C-alpha cells in the first residue's frame, strides 16, 4: 500500500439518482435494494423530424441522464426511455382515453417493437454509457368492446 496514492472511491461512494418520474422504473430500481433518489428530468420529449424510434429512445435516455447529472454532478444518474415502434414510426403515449381507443384500434393484429434505452451518466467523472433493448409484441385483434373494457380496467 502506497500512502501517497489515494484509494479509488468505492462504487457506493457516489449517490445514485434515477432521472425519471416513472413509478414502474422506480419500482424496478428498488428491487436492487440500493439507496437512490428519483429526480424529474427537464427534457423535451418531442421527436425530431424523421427521427426513428431507436434513435429517439437513445437520445431521450441520454438527455434525461445528462440533464439530471448536470444538476447533480457527483451522482451516478440513470436515464431511460421507451418508444413504441410501429414499422419505423414512433408512437407516443396517447394521453387521453379517446386517443388510447384510436391507438389500440390501429394496433389490432400489428407487431410493435418496444425500443428501451438505458443511459448511465456521471458528470464528475465524464462517464457516459447507453444501451438499447428491443422487444417485439404482437397485439391481439381486440374488438371495440374489449378495447373499452381493457382501458376501463
Protein backbone atom coordinates (compact mmCIF):
# COMPACT_ATOMS: atom_id res chain seq x y z
CA UNK A 1 0.00 0.00 0.00
CA UNK A 2 1.40 3.36 -1.03
CA UNK A 3 0.50 6.26 1.30
CA UNK A 4 0.94 8.87 -1.48
CA UNK A 5 -1.68 7.30 -3.69
CA UNK A 6 -5.34 7.94 -2.84
CA UNK A 7 -7.56 4.90 -2.90
CA UNK A 8 -10.17 4.69 -5.59
CA UNK A 9 -13.65 5.63 -4.44
CA UNK A 10 -15.87 2.67 -3.68
CA UNK A 11 -18.74 2.06 -6.10
CA UNK A 12 -21.20 3.11 -3.40
CA UNK A 13 -19.48 6.41 -2.55
CA UNK A 14 -21.47 8.36 -5.15
CA UNK A 15 -25.18 8.96 -4.80
CA UNK A 16 -27.38 7.09 -7.22
CA UNK A 17 -30.16 9.03 -8.94
CA UNK A 18 -32.94 7.76 -11.16
CA UNK A 19 -33.66 10.53 -13.64
CA UNK A 20 -37.32 9.66 -14.01
CA UNK A 21 -40.77 10.17 -12.55
CA UNK A 22 -41.92 6.72 -13.70
CA UNK A 23 -43.38 4.65 -10.86
CA UNK A 24 -42.54 1.49 -12.81
CA UNK A 25 -38.84 2.42 -13.19
CA UNK A 26 -38.73 3.43 -9.52
CA UNK A 27 -40.10 0.02 -8.53
CA UNK A 28 -37.64 -1.80 -10.81
CA UNK A 29 -34.63 0.02 -9.36
CA UNK A 30 -35.94 -0.56 -5.82
CA UNK A 31 -35.62 -4.30 -6.40
CA UNK A 32 -31.84 -3.92 -6.30
CA UNK A 33 -32.06 -2.76 -2.67
CA UNK A 34 -29.68 0.14 -3.34
CA UNK A 35 -30.33 3.59 -1.91
CA UNK A 36 -31.32 6.07 -4.61
CA UNK A 37 -33.21 9.27 -5.19
CA UNK A 38 -35.63 9.92 -8.04
CA UNK A 39 -35.32 13.30 -9.76
CA UNK A 40 -37.56 14.54 -12.56
CA UNK A 41 -35.58 15.35 -15.71
CA UNK A 42 -36.45 18.54 -17.56
CA UNK A 43 -36.31 17.25 -21.14
CA UNK A 44 -38.47 17.99 -24.19
CA UNK A 45 -39.52 14.55 -25.44
CA UNK A 46 -40.79 15.72 -28.82
CA UNK A 47 -39.47 13.50 -31.63
CA UNK A 48 -37.35 15.28 -34.22
CA UNK A 49 -38.47 15.28 -37.83
CA UNK A 50 -37.55 11.96 -39.43
CA UNK A 51 -36.12 10.54 -36.18
CA UNK A 52 -36.52 6.77 -35.99
CA UNK A 53 -37.77 5.14 -32.76
CA UNK A 54 -34.38 3.62 -31.81
CA UNK A 55 -32.56 6.93 -32.16
CA UNK A 56 -35.36 8.72 -30.28
CA UNK A 57 -35.17 6.30 -27.33
CA UNK A 58 -31.37 6.61 -27.11
CA UNK A 59 -31.42 10.41 -27.44
CA UNK A 60 -34.06 10.80 -24.73
CA UNK A 61 -32.42 8.35 -22.29
CA UNK A 62 -29.11 10.21 -22.64
CA UNK A 63 -30.77 13.63 -22.46
CA UNK A 64 -32.58 12.71 -19.24
CA UNK A 65 -29.44 11.32 -17.61
CA UNK A 66 -27.30 14.27 -18.75
CA UNK A 67 -29.82 16.88 -17.61
CA UNK A 68 -30.11 15.43 -14.11
CA UNK A 69 -26.34 14.82 -13.93
CA UNK A 70 -25.72 18.49 -14.72
CA UNK A 71 -27.70 19.38 -11.59
CA UNK A 72 -26.11 16.58 -9.52
CA UNK A 73 -22.57 16.24 -10.91
CA UNK A 74 -21.24 13.92 -8.16
CA UNK A 75 -24.06 11.40 -8.66
CA UNK A 76 -24.37 8.41 -10.92
CA UNK A 77 -27.55 9.11 -12.88
CA UNK A 78 -29.72 6.62 -14.70
CA UNK A 79 -31.93 7.84 -17.53
CA UNK A 80 -34.26 5.70 -19.57
CA UNK A 81 -36.84 5.95 -22.30
CA UNK A 82 -39.07 3.53 -24.15
CA UNK A 83 -40.52 4.17 -27.59
CA UNK A 84 -43.13 2.02 -29.28
CA UNK A 85 -42.08 1.40 -32.88
CA UNK A 86 -44.79 0.61 -35.44
CA UNK A 87 -43.00 -0.11 -38.74
CA UNK A 88 -40.45 2.65 -38.08
CA UNK A 89 -42.94 5.19 -36.71
CA UNK A 90 -42.59 6.22 -33.06
CA UNK A 91 -45.87 6.01 -31.18
CA UNK A 92 -46.32 8.42 -28.33
CA UNK A 93 -48.34 7.95 -25.18
CA UNK A 94 -51.99 8.54 -26.05
CA UNK A 95 -52.64 10.81 -23.05
CA UNK A 96 -56.42 10.58 -23.16
CA UNK A 97 -58.96 7.76 -23.16
CA UNK A 98 -60.19 8.75 -26.61
CA UNK A 99 -56.71 8.73 -28.13
CA UNK A 100 -55.95 5.41 -26.42
CA UNK A 101 -59.02 3.89 -28.12
CA UNK A 102 -57.84 5.16 -31.52
CA UNK A 103 -54.30 3.92 -30.92
CA UNK A 104 -55.37 0.44 -29.77
CA UNK A 105 -57.72 0.09 -32.75
CA UNK A 106 -54.80 0.97 -35.02
CA UNK A 107 -52.59 -1.64 -33.32
CA UNK A 108 -55.03 -4.56 -33.71
CA UNK A 109 -53.09 -7.50 -35.12
CA UNK A 110 -49.94 -5.39 -35.55
CA UNK A 111 -46.41 -6.17 -34.39
CA UNK A 112 -44.88 -3.35 -32.35
CA UNK A 113 -41.24 -3.22 -31.29
CA UNK A 114 -40.66 -1.56 -27.93
CA UNK A 115 -37.25 0.16 -28.01
CA UNK A 116 -35.99 0.64 -24.44
CA UNK A 117 -32.84 2.69 -23.92
CA UNK A 118 -30.94 2.97 -20.64
CA UNK A 119 -28.20 5.55 -20.06
CA UNK A 120 -25.81 5.96 -17.13
CA UNK A 121 -24.01 9.29 -16.69
CA UNK A 122 -21.68 10.75 -14.07
CA UNK A 123 -20.73 14.36 -14.83
CA UNK A 124 -17.87 14.44 -12.30
CA UNK A 125 -16.03 11.56 -13.94
CA UNK A 126 -17.19 12.07 -17.52
CA UNK A 127 -18.64 8.55 -17.58
CA UNK A 128 -21.41 8.02 -20.10
CA UNK A 129 -22.84 4.81 -21.45
CA UNK A 130 -26.08 3.92 -23.18
CA UNK A 131 -27.56 0.69 -24.46
CA UNK A 132 -30.83 -0.36 -26.03
CA UNK A 133 -33.01 -3.45 -25.94
CA UNK A 134 -35.84 -4.32 -28.31
CA UNK A 135 -38.90 -6.42 -27.54
CA UNK A 136 -41.43 -7.44 -30.20
CA UNK A 137 -45.09 -7.56 -29.18
CA UNK A 138 -47.92 -8.82 -31.37
CA UNK A 139 -51.20 -7.16 -30.48
CA UNK A 140 -54.31 -9.29 -30.47
CA UNK A 141 -57.22 -8.33 -32.70
CA UNK A 142 -59.40 -6.92 -29.95
CA UNK A 143 -62.99 -5.93 -30.56
CA UNK A 144 -64.10 -2.39 -29.78
CA UNK A 145 -65.83 -3.69 -26.64
CA UNK A 146 -62.63 -5.49 -25.49
CA UNK A 147 -60.59 -2.33 -26.02
CA UNK A 148 -63.07 -0.34 -23.97
CA UNK A 149 -63.06 -2.94 -21.13
CA UNK A 150 -59.24 -3.00 -21.15
CA UNK A 151 -58.98 0.77 -20.89
CA UNK A 152 -61.62 0.95 -18.16
CA UNK A 153 -59.72 -1.65 -16.11
